[in-house]
């Protein structure tokens, strides 16, 4: 790649850079393309009267050839990801160590927070998409409708970047930190057309609509799982410490009674309370594994719908 001739235009430079980054994370490629075009076009604006080929040749020593830029981005990405990655939990070889070790993984609690937060973000995204589409499409035959539709699609792209940052911070999935590369050398009509024909625009809308049912499901799962397991842990401890009373049934059995958030009540013989405590602890760790697994799956869904990986294949 280093032996290739220097690109003669910005679009050719970006195409070479994209090919040099083949196989890299799609989010990284999106960031690299945006940064490169932003830099080259700013240099072109500062050097009026010079062609794109002359500007590219003049900045080759400072910014670098496409292959050199690609190598820098790959190296920088490794460094940044290493610095941002939370401390890895201690590797445990035993089955019990791996099972209980989930409690030491910071990503578990970040995923739990994301699941709880997703109810609010899901309601917001769903409302924004439904309201934006209905208002703009309802006014599309009026002069003001088309600008509203264009602004709406632009806002969706901004929200996708915001959601991407939330997903990256909480779920650990690498997401774009720059807007989508959009060939700024094209006319504004062509760029508007690209926005409407871009598969990523529609996949982002789909993601935002999906976030409402997903947010409800995530919130329900997290609240139900942890309230159930924590109540099983707390009930025996409250009885043993005298903070809760154990009754006597008609047969003389000591009963432990409690009621969870769903309104269900249960009672067990007092001698079985250690088993209830053990079951609660196991259920709690199962819930932690479930939360971490859901976080990984959702990160993959977000990556697939919010980052147009097929563009860089």
Protein backbone atom coordinates (compact mmCIF):
# COMPACT_ATOMS: atom_id res chain seq x y z
CA UNK A 1 0.00 0.00 0.00
CA UNK A 2 2.87 2.39 0.74
CA UNK A 3 4.13 1.98 -2.80
CA UNK A 4 0.85 3.15 -4.34
CA UNK A 5 0.81 6.55 -5.96
CA UNK A 6 -0.48 9.46 -3.91
CA UNK A 7 -4.24 9.98 -4.35
CA UNK A 8 -5.20 12.83 -6.66
CA UNK A 9 -8.45 13.83 -4.96
CA UNK A 10 -9.99 13.82 -1.50
CA UNK A 11 -12.50 11.15 -2.44
CA UNK A 12 -9.68 8.97 -3.78
CA UNK A 13 -7.69 9.53 -0.59
CA UNK A 14 -10.67 8.47 1.52
CA UNK A 15 -11.20 5.41 -0.64
CA UNK A 16 -7.56 4.39 -0.16
CA UNK A 17 -7.88 4.97 3.59
CA UNK A 18 -11.01 2.85 3.73
CA UNK A 19 -9.25 -0.01 1.95
CA UNK A 20 -6.20 0.34 4.21
CA UNK A 21 -8.49 -0.03 7.24
CA UNK A 22 -10.26 -3.10 5.85
CA UNK A 23 -11.03 -5.50 8.67
CA UNK A 24 -10.89 -2.84 11.40
CA UNK A 25 -13.82 -1.98 13.63
CA UNK A 26 -16.51 -0.18 11.53
CA UNK A 27 -16.81 2.52 14.20
CA UNK A 28 -13.07 3.18 13.96
CA UNK A 29 -13.31 3.41 10.17
CA UNK A 30 -16.15 5.92 10.42
CA UNK A 31 -14.10 8.10 12.77
CA UNK A 32 -10.99 7.88 10.60
CA UNK A 33 -12.84 8.82 7.40
CA UNK A 34 -14.52 11.78 9.07
CA UNK A 35 -11.26 13.09 10.57
CA UNK A 36 -9.37 12.69 7.30
CA UNK A 37 -11.96 14.49 5.20
CA UNK A 38 -12.33 17.24 7.79
CA UNK A 39 -8.57 17.84 7.81
CA UNK A 40 -8.11 17.69 4.03
CA UNK A 41 -11.03 20.01 3.29
CA UNK A 42 -9.83 22.54 5.88
CA UNK A 43 -6.40 22.51 4.22
CA UNK A 44 -8.03 22.94 0.82
CA UNK A 45 -10.00 25.94 2.10
CA UNK A 46 -6.83 27.54 3.50
CA UNK A 47 -4.99 27.16 0.19
CA UNK A 48 -7.29 28.69 -2.44
CA UNK A 49 -6.24 28.28 -6.03
CA UNK A 50 -4.55 24.93 -5.47
CA UNK A 51 -6.02 21.66 -6.70
CA UNK A 52 -6.95 18.77 -4.44
CA UNK A 53 -3.96 16.79 -5.72
CA UNK A 54 -1.56 19.61 -4.83
CA UNK A 55 -3.03 20.01 -1.36
CA UNK A 56 -2.85 16.26 -0.68
CA UNK A 57 0.78 16.20 -1.82
CA UNK A 58 1.63 19.18 0.40
CA UNK A 59 0.14 17.63 3.55
CA UNK A 60 1.44 14.12 2.90
CA UNK A 61 4.45 14.68 5.15
CA UNK A 62 2.38 16.07 8.04
CA UNK A 63 -0.86 14.07 7.88
CA UNK A 64 0.51 11.01 6.10
CA UNK A 65 -0.39 8.70 3.24
CA UNK A 66 -3.57 6.59 3.64
CA UNK A 67 -1.62 3.49 4.69
CA UNK A 68 0.33 5.46 7.30
CA UNK A 69 -2.84 7.09 8.69
CA UNK A 70 -4.53 3.69 8.88
CA UNK A 71 -1.61 2.25 10.85
CA UNK A 72 -1.67 5.20 13.27
CA UNK A 73 -5.40 4.75 13.88
CA UNK A 74 -4.98 1.03 14.52
CA UNK A 75 -2.19 1.65 17.04
CA UNK A 76 -4.03 4.51 18.74
CA UNK A 77 -7.20 2.45 19.02
CA UNK A 78 -5.36 -0.28 20.92
CA UNK A 79 -3.89 2.28 23.33
CA UNK A 80 -7.17 4.10 23.91
CA UNK A 81 -9.19 0.93 24.42
CA UNK A 82 -6.63 -0.37 26.89
CA UNK A 83 -6.78 2.88 28.87
CA UNK A 84 -10.58 3.05 28.87
CA UNK A 85 -11.24 -0.62 29.57
CA UNK A 86 -12.26 -1.24 33.19
CA UNK A 87 -9.94 -3.41 35.28
CA UNK A 88 -10.38 -7.00 34.21
CA UNK A 89 -11.62 -9.35 36.90
CA UNK A 90 -9.21 -11.97 38.13
CA UNK A 91 -9.25 -15.04 35.90
CA UNK A 92 -10.66 -17.99 37.81
CA UNK A 93 -10.25 -21.52 36.58
CA UNK A 94 -12.87 -23.17 38.78
CA UNK A 95 -16.55 -23.21 37.87
CA UNK A 96 -17.48 -21.68 41.22
CA UNK A 97 -14.90 -18.93 40.76
CA UNK A 98 -16.30 -18.01 37.35
CA UNK A 99 -19.87 -18.12 38.66
CA UNK A 100 -19.31 -15.89 41.68
CA UNK A 101 -16.64 -13.78 39.96
CA UNK A 102 -19.33 -11.92 38.00
CA UNK A 103 -19.83 -9.75 41.11
CA UNK A 104 -16.31 -8.34 40.63
CA UNK A 105 -16.89 -7.33 36.99
CA UNK A 106 -17.61 -3.55 36.71
CA UNK A 107 -19.32 -4.15 33.38
CA UNK A 108 -22.04 -6.10 35.18
CA UNK A 109 -23.17 -3.07 37.17
CA UNK A 110 -22.81 -0.77 34.17
CA UNK A 111 -25.09 -3.12 32.22
CA UNK A 112 -27.58 -3.10 35.09
CA UNK A 113 -27.63 0.69 35.10
CA UNK A 114 -28.12 0.72 31.33
CA UNK A 115 -31.07 -1.68 31.62
CA UNK A 116 -32.75 0.55 34.20
CA UNK A 117 -31.97 3.70 32.18
CA UNK A 118 -33.24 2.14 28.95
CA UNK A 119 -36.85 2.57 30.03
CA UNK A 120 -36.45 6.37 30.00
CA UNK A 121 -34.33 6.47 26.84
CA UNK A 122 -36.66 4.02 25.10
CA UNK A 123 -39.71 6.20 25.82
CA UNK A 124 -37.84 9.29 24.61
CA UNK A 125 -36.55 7.69 21.38
CA UNK A 126 -39.92 6.15 20.52
CA UNK A 127 -41.77 9.42 21.17
CA UNK A 128 -39.23 11.42 19.17
CA UNK A 129 -39.42 9.13 16.13
CA UNK A 130 -43.20 8.76 16.10
CA UNK A 131 -43.79 12.49 16.66
CA UNK A 132 -41.12 13.57 14.20
CA UNK A 133 -42.30 11.27 11.42
CA UNK A 134 -45.99 12.00 11.91
CA UNK A 135 -45.55 15.79 12.01
CA UNK A 136 -43.08 16.04 9.13
CA UNK A 137 -44.85 13.54 6.89
CA UNK A 138 -48.20 15.14 7.70
CA UNK A 139 -46.84 18.47 6.46
CA UNK A 140 -44.83 17.10 3.55
CA UNK A 141 -47.29 18.52 1.01
CA UNK A 142 -46.89 21.94 2.61
CA UNK A 143 -43.75 23.96 2.04
CA UNK A 144 -42.64 23.62 5.68
CA UNK A 145 -42.95 19.82 5.70
CA UNK A 146 -39.81 19.01 3.69
CA UNK A 147 -37.42 21.13 5.82
CA UNK A 148 -38.95 19.59 8.95
CA UNK A 149 -38.36 16.10 7.56
CA UNK A 150 -34.74 16.93 6.74
CA UNK A 151 -34.19 18.38 10.23
CA UNK A 152 -35.82 15.32 11.76
CA UNK A 153 -33.48 12.91 9.97
CA UNK A 154 -30.54 15.09 10.98
CA UNK A 155 -31.64 14.93 14.62
CA UNK A 156 -31.88 11.15 14.40
CA UNK A 157 -28.23 11.00 13.36
CA UNK A 158 -27.26 13.19 16.30
CA UNK A 159 -29.25 10.98 18.70
CA UNK A 160 -27.55 7.89 17.27
CA UNK A 161 -24.18 9.39 18.25
CA UNK A 162 -25.48 10.12 21.76
CA UNK A 163 -26.83 6.59 22.13
CA UNK A 164 -23.56 5.24 20.78
CA UNK A 165 -21.60 7.03 23.49
CA UNK A 166 -23.96 5.64 26.16
CA UNK A 167 -23.58 2.12 24.77
CA UNK A 168 -19.80 2.39 24.58
CA UNK A 169 -19.39 3.73 28.12
CA UNK A 170 -21.85 1.35 29.81
CA UNK A 171 -21.75 -1.78 27.67
CA UNK A 172 -18.17 -1.60 26.41
CA UNK A 173 -19.05 -1.87 22.70
CA UNK A 174 -16.89 0.34 20.46
CA UNK A 175 -19.16 2.93 18.81
CA UNK A 176 -18.48 5.91 16.50
CA UNK A 177 -17.29 9.16 18.03
CA UNK A 178 -17.67 11.16 14.82
CA UNK A 179 -20.66 11.70 12.50
CA UNK A 180 -21.09 9.44 9.51
CA UNK A 181 -18.76 10.22 6.60
CA UNK A 182 -21.06 11.81 4.01
CA UNK A 183 -18.97 12.80 0.98
CA UNK A 184 -19.11 16.54 1.59
CA UNK A 185 -17.90 17.25 -1.93
CA UNK A 186 -21.39 16.47 -3.23
CA UNK A 187 -24.09 19.09 -3.68
CA UNK A 188 -26.57 19.69 -0.85
CA UNK A 189 -29.36 18.08 -2.88
CA UNK A 190 -27.24 14.97 -3.39
CA UNK A 191 -26.39 14.85 0.32
CA UNK A 192 -30.07 15.13 1.26
CA UNK A 193 -30.80 12.30 -1.16
CA UNK A 194 -28.02 10.25 0.43
CA UNK A 195 -29.62 10.77 3.84
CA UNK A 196 -32.94 9.34 2.66
CA UNK A 197 -31.40 6.42 0.77
CA UNK A 198 -28.84 5.52 3.43
CA UNK A 199 -29.68 2.16 4.97
CA UNK A 200 -28.21 3.33 8.26
CA UNK A 201 -30.82 6.09 8.54
CA UNK A 202 -33.62 3.55 8.49
CA UNK A 203 -31.82 1.05 10.71
CA UNK A 204 -31.32 3.83 13.27
CA UNK A 205 -35.05 4.59 13.18
CA UNK A 206 -35.74 0.88 13.68
CA UNK A 207 -33.37 0.81 16.67
CA UNK A 208 -35.09 3.78 18.29
CA UNK A 209 -38.52 2.22 17.82
CA UNK A 210 -37.23 -1.07 19.25
CA UNK A 211 -35.87 0.68 22.33
CA UNK A 212 -39.35 1.13 23.82
CA UNK A 213 -40.24 -2.59 24.05
CA UNK A 214 -36.62 -3.43 24.86
CA UNK A 215 -36.51 -0.77 27.57
CA UNK A 216 -39.70 -2.08 29.14
CA UNK A 217 -38.36 -5.65 29.01
CA UNK A 218 -34.95 -4.68 30.42
CA UNK A 219 -36.45 -2.65 33.25
CA UNK A 220 -38.94 -5.39 34.12
CA UNK A 221 -36.29 -8.12 34.07
CA UNK A 222 -33.85 -6.18 36.23
CA UNK A 223 -36.42 -5.08 38.83
CA UNK A 224 -38.11 -8.48 39.04
CA UNK A 225 -34.91 -10.52 39.18
CA UNK A 226 -33.21 -8.46 41.85
CA UNK A 227 -36.29 -7.83 44.00
CA UNK A 228 -36.99 -11.56 44.04
CA UNK A 229 -33.44 -12.64 44.86
CA UNK A 230 -32.79 -9.88 47.39
CA UNK A 231 -36.07 -10.59 49.19
CA UNK A 232 -35.03 -14.24 49.54
CA UNK A 233 -31.71 -13.14 51.00
CA UNK A 234 -33.19 -10.52 53.31
CA UNK A 235 -36.13 -12.47 54.75
CA UNK A 236 -34.12 -15.09 56.72
CA UNK A 237 -31.71 -12.43 57.95
CA UNK A 238 -34.59 -10.29 59.22
CA UNK A 239 -36.06 -13.26 61.10
CA UNK A 240 -32.72 -14.29 62.62
CA UNK A 241 -32.07 -10.74 63.83
CA UNK A 242 -35.58 -10.42 65.27
CA UNK A 243 -36.61 -7.66 62.87
CA UNK A 244 -39.31 -9.90 61.36
CA UNK A 245 -41.61 -12.30 63.13
CA UNK A 246 -41.95 -16.00 62.48
CA UNK A 247 -45.46 -17.34 63.07
CA UNK A 248 -46.85 -20.74 64.02
CA UNK A 249 -49.18 -22.71 61.77
CA UNK A 250 -51.98 -25.06 62.86
CA UNK A 251 -49.61 -28.03 62.99
CA UNK A 252 -47.09 -26.22 65.17
CA UNK A 253 -44.60 -25.52 62.37
CA UNK A 254 -42.61 -22.32 62.62
CA UNK A 255 -43.30 -20.33 59.46
CA UNK A 256 -41.37 -17.55 57.81
CA UNK A 257 -43.64 -15.21 55.86
CA UNK A 258 -42.85 -12.33 53.56
CA UNK A 259 -44.41 -10.50 50.64
CA UNK A 260 -42.47 -9.36 47.58
CA UNK A 261 -43.11 -6.35 45.32
CA UNK A 262 -45.48 -8.32 43.11
CA UNK A 263 -47.81 -8.90 46.07
CA UNK A 264 -47.09 -12.61 46.26
CA UNK A 265 -46.53 -14.07 49.71
CA UNK A 266 -44.82 -17.23 50.82
CA UNK A 267 -43.99 -19.09 53.99
CA UNK A 268 -41.54 -21.85 54.77
CA UNK A 269 -40.67 -23.80 57.91
CA UNK A 270 -38.20 -21.95 60.08
CA UNK A 271 -35.68 -24.78 59.80
CA UNK A 272 -35.61 -24.22 56.02
CA UNK A 273 -34.62 -20.56 56.22
CA UNK A 274 -30.91 -21.33 55.56
CA UNK A 275 -31.99 -22.98 52.32
CA UNK A 276 -34.01 -19.89 51.43
CA UNK A 277 -30.94 -17.75 52.04
CA UNK A 278 -28.77 -20.03 49.89
CA UNK A 279 -31.36 -20.02 47.10
CA UNK A 280 -31.53 -16.24 47.27
CA UNK A 281 -27.75 -15.89 46.96
CA UNK A 282 -27.68 -18.23 43.96
CA UNK A 283 -30.60 -16.36 42.35
CA UNK A 284 -28.76 -13.08 42.90
CA UNK A 285 -25.65 -14.28 41.07
CA UNK A 286 -27.75 -15.78 38.29
CA UNK A 287 -29.36 -12.36 37.93
CA UNK A 288 -25.93 -10.74 37.65
CA UNK A 289 -24.95 -13.17 34.88
CA UNK A 290 -28.24 -12.48 33.11
CA UNK A 291 -27.66 -8.73 33.27
CA UNK A 292 -24.13 -9.00 31.91
CA UNK A 293 -25.31 -11.28 29.09
CA UNK A 294 -28.12 -8.91 28.12
CA UNK A 295 -25.62 -6.05 28.06
CA UNK A 296 -23.37 -7.91 25.62
CA UNK A 297 -26.28 -8.86 23.36
CA UNK A 298 -27.67 -5.32 23.32
CA UNK A 299 -24.23 -3.91 22.53
CA UNK A 300 -24.08 -6.17 19.48
CA UNK A 301 -27.58 -5.07 18.42
CA UNK A 302 -26.63 -1.40 18.75
CA UNK A 303 -23.43 -1.96 16.78
CA UNK A 304 -25.32 -3.71 13.97
CA UNK A 305 -28.08 -1.11 13.63
CA UNK A 306 -26.24 2.13 14.41
CA UNK A 307 -23.00 1.46 12.49
CA UNK A 308 -23.22 0.72 8.80
CA UNK A 309 -20.54 -1.97 8.62
CA UNK A 310 -21.52 -3.07 5.11
CA UNK A 311 -20.25 0.27 3.80
CA UNK A 312 -16.68 -0.71 4.64
CA UNK A 313 -16.71 -4.30 3.45
